[in-house]
Amino acid sequence: MAATTSSAKVSAVKATAAPKVRKPSLDVGNPLSLYRASPIERITLIKTGIPATAFSRLAVHMNMPKDRLASVLGLPRATINRKVSGNKPLSPDEGSRVMGMARLVGQVQAMVEESGRPEGFNAAQWVAQWLDRPLPALDGRAPKELMDTAEGQSLVSNLVARMQSGAYA
């Protein structure tokens, strides 16, 4: 009888244990959904593994050569190629960088949609061109120089938010 009680306790503990991490239903190819997702959803997606093909889709969406996107994000092109051909996920660091760029595109898209004039505007291509422009607000640096770190991506995202609010300097 004691064995039955112990096994019932083990079953009860298993039933109350934390559930397995489930991959969120975010679409990495939809920058606006990534921008609007909660931080927990984005973190979960990064930790469960963003498909390497998301890098390729982002490059196409931005009309940016893959070599250039890899350089901007500080990612080794050979590693990305290997993971794409092997249908493997990006590491959390690689995925975080790709997510940050996609999120920036989504942020710009949301900003334009909120202005009420999104027709004909391609946020991904605008971001691809804007990344090259040296900006006084970044001490004369171009945003592309900062997109290879989480802190740099945050700084660039905050700059876009300031542009929207009119506090750009």
Protein backbone atom coordinates (compact mmCIF):
# COMPACT_ATOMS: atom_id res chain seq x y z
CA MET A 1 0.00 0.00 0.00
CA ALA A 2 2.93 2.37 0.76
CA ALA A 3 4.35 1.75 -2.73
CA THR A 4 1.06 2.78 -4.26
CA THR A 5 1.03 6.00 -2.21
CA SER A 6 4.62 6.82 -3.22
CA SER A 7 3.87 6.21 -6.88
CA ALA A 8 0.77 8.42 -6.61
CA LYS A 9 2.92 11.18 -5.09
CA VAL A 10 5.45 10.87 -7.94
CA SER A 11 2.63 11.08 -10.48
CA ALA A 12 1.23 14.14 -8.74
CA VAL A 13 4.65 15.83 -8.78
CA LYS A 14 5.08 15.05 -12.48
CA ALA A 15 1.64 16.44 -13.22
CA THR A 16 2.48 19.73 -11.50
CA ALA A 17 5.98 20.07 -12.95
CA ALA A 18 6.60 22.92 -15.35
CA PRO A 19 5.28 22.15 -18.83
CA LYS A 20 7.71 21.59 -21.68
CA VAL A 21 8.69 24.75 -23.53
CA ARG A 22 6.55 24.89 -26.60
CA LYS A 23 7.60 26.74 -29.71
CA PRO A 24 5.56 29.91 -30.09
CA SER A 25 3.49 30.37 -33.20
CA LEU A 26 5.39 33.49 -34.22
CA ASP A 27 6.30 33.75 -37.87
CA VAL A 28 9.94 34.76 -38.20
CA GLY A 29 9.13 35.87 -41.75
CA ASN A 30 6.63 38.41 -40.42
CA PRO A 31 8.63 41.26 -38.85
CA LEU A 32 5.50 43.07 -37.68
CA SER A 33 4.37 40.03 -35.67
CA LEU A 34 7.84 39.79 -34.12
CA TYR A 35 7.79 43.46 -33.17
CA ARG A 36 4.35 43.15 -31.58
CA ALA A 37 5.11 39.88 -29.79
CA SER A 38 5.90 39.88 -26.10
CA PRO A 39 9.53 39.65 -25.01
CA ILE A 40 8.80 36.21 -23.52
CA GLU A 41 7.45 34.98 -26.85
CA ARG A 42 10.53 36.25 -28.68
CA ILE A 43 12.91 34.77 -26.10
CA THR A 44 11.13 31.42 -26.30
CA LEU A 45 11.42 31.45 -30.09
CA ILE A 46 15.14 32.24 -29.91
CA LYS A 47 15.77 29.52 -27.32
CA THR A 48 13.79 26.87 -29.20
CA GLY A 49 15.72 27.67 -32.36
CA ILE A 50 14.99 30.01 -35.21
CA PRO A 51 15.36 28.16 -38.51
CA ALA A 52 18.46 29.26 -40.44
CA THR A 53 16.21 29.81 -43.44
CA ALA A 54 14.81 32.85 -41.58
CA PHE A 55 18.12 34.58 -42.29
CA SER A 56 17.71 33.96 -46.04
CA ARG A 57 14.08 35.09 -46.03
CA LEU A 58 15.03 38.28 -44.19
CA ALA A 59 17.76 39.05 -46.73
CA VAL A 60 15.29 38.59 -49.59
CA HIS A 61 12.64 40.67 -47.80
CA MET A 62 15.15 43.47 -47.29
CA ASN A 63 16.46 43.11 -50.86
CA MET A 64 19.91 42.85 -49.30
CA PRO A 65 22.65 40.44 -50.40
CA LYS A 66 23.11 37.66 -47.84
CA ASP A 67 26.81 38.47 -47.52
CA ARG A 68 25.97 42.05 -46.57
CA LEU A 69 23.30 41.03 -44.04
CA ALA A 70 25.69 38.52 -42.48
CA SER A 71 28.35 41.22 -42.22
CA VAL A 72 25.95 43.74 -40.65
CA LEU A 73 24.84 41.16 -38.08
CA GLY A 74 28.38 39.94 -37.45
CA LEU A 75 27.52 36.39 -38.50
CA PRO A 76 29.94 34.06 -40.31
CA ARG A 77 28.43 33.47 -43.75
CA ALA A 78 29.85 29.93 -43.98
CA THR A 79 28.11 28.96 -40.72
CA ILE A 80 24.80 30.35 -41.92
CA ASN A 81 25.16 28.55 -45.29
CA ARG A 82 25.93 25.27 -43.52
CA LYS A 83 22.91 25.60 -41.24
CA VAL A 84 20.60 26.55 -44.12
CA SER A 85 21.74 23.59 -46.25
CA GLY A 86 21.51 21.25 -43.24
CA ASN A 87 18.07 22.61 -42.29
CA LYS A 88 19.38 23.40 -38.80
CA PRO A 89 18.34 26.12 -36.38
CA LEU A 90 20.43 29.17 -35.57
CA SER A 91 22.21 29.27 -32.22
CA PRO A 92 20.55 31.53 -29.64
CA ASP A 93 23.14 34.25 -30.35
CA GLU A 94 22.68 34.02 -34.13
CA GLY A 95 18.91 33.84 -33.78
CA SER A 96 18.89 36.84 -31.48
CA ARG A 97 20.75 38.93 -34.04
CA VAL A 98 18.44 37.90 -36.89
CA MET A 99 15.42 38.48 -34.66
CA GLY A 100 16.71 41.95 -33.75
CA MET A 101 16.97 42.95 -37.40
CA ALA A 102 13.56 41.53 -38.24
CA ARG A 103 12.10 43.27 -35.20
CA LEU A 104 13.58 46.61 -36.37
CA VAL A 105 11.87 46.12 -39.74
CA GLY A 106 8.61 45.39 -37.88
CA GLN A 107 9.06 48.49 -35.74
CA VAL A 108 9.44 50.70 -38.82
CA GLN A 109 6.46 49.00 -40.46
CA ALA A 110 4.32 49.59 -37.35
CA MET A 111 5.44 53.22 -37.22
CA VAL A 112 4.40 53.80 -40.84
CA GLU A 113 1.09 51.99 -40.36
CA GLU A 114 0.34 54.11 -37.29
CA SER A 115 0.98 57.24 -39.37
CA GLY A 116 -1.89 56.14 -41.60
CA ARG A 117 0.09 56.12 -44.86
CA PRO A 118 1.52 52.58 -45.36
CA GLU A 119 0.55 52.20 -49.05
CA GLY A 120 3.55 51.57 -51.24
CA PHE A 121 6.05 51.74 -48.36
CA ASN A 122 8.40 48.79 -47.99
CA ALA A 123 9.76 48.92 -44.45
CA ALA A 124 12.31 46.15 -45.02
CA GLN A 125 13.90 47.88 -47.99
CA TRP A 126 13.81 51.25 -46.26
CA VAL A 127 15.65 49.79 -43.25
CA ALA A 128 18.22 48.16 -45.56
CA GLN A 129 19.04 51.57 -47.06
CA TRP A 130 18.80 53.52 -43.81
CA LEU A 131 21.32 51.24 -42.10
CA ASP A 132 24.09 52.78 -44.24
CA ARG A 133 23.43 56.42 -43.31
CA PRO A 134 25.77 57.98 -40.74
CA LEU A 135 23.60 59.72 -38.15
CA PRO A 136 24.43 62.54 -35.74
CA ALA A 137 22.33 60.80 -33.07
CA LEU A 138 24.78 57.88 -33.24
CA ASP A 139 27.88 60.08 -33.04
CA GLY A 140 28.21 59.97 -36.81
CA ARG A 141 28.02 56.18 -36.99
CA ALA A 142 25.73 54.33 -39.38
CA PRO A 143 23.14 52.05 -37.71
CA LYS A 144 24.70 49.03 -39.47
CA GLU A 145 27.79 49.45 -37.30
CA LEU A 146 25.72 48.68 -34.21
CA MET A 147 23.47 45.83 -35.36
CA ASP A 148 25.88 43.03 -34.39
CA THR A 149 25.20 43.36 -30.64
CA ALA A 150 22.02 43.33 -28.57
CA GLU A 151 22.98 46.67 -27.01
CA GLY A 152 23.54 48.21 -30.44
CA GLN A 153 20.24 46.88 -31.72
CA SER A 154 18.52 48.36 -28.69
CA LEU A 155 20.16 51.73 -29.32
CA VAL A 156 19.05 51.71 -32.97
CA SER A 157 15.52 50.67 -32.00
CA ASN A 158 15.36 53.49 -29.45
CA LEU A 159 16.51 55.91 -32.14
CA VAL A 160 13.65 54.79 -34.42
CA ALA A 161 11.22 55.29 -31.53
CA ARG A 162 12.57 58.80 -31.00
CA MET A 163 12.16 59.50 -34.72
CA GLN A 164 8.50 58.53 -34.43
CA SER A 165 7.92 60.73 -31.40
CA GLY A 166 9.71 63.68 -32.96
CA ALA A 167 12.46 63.63 -30.33
CA TYR A 168 15.13 62.67 -32.87
CA ALA A 169 18.43 64.44 -32.32
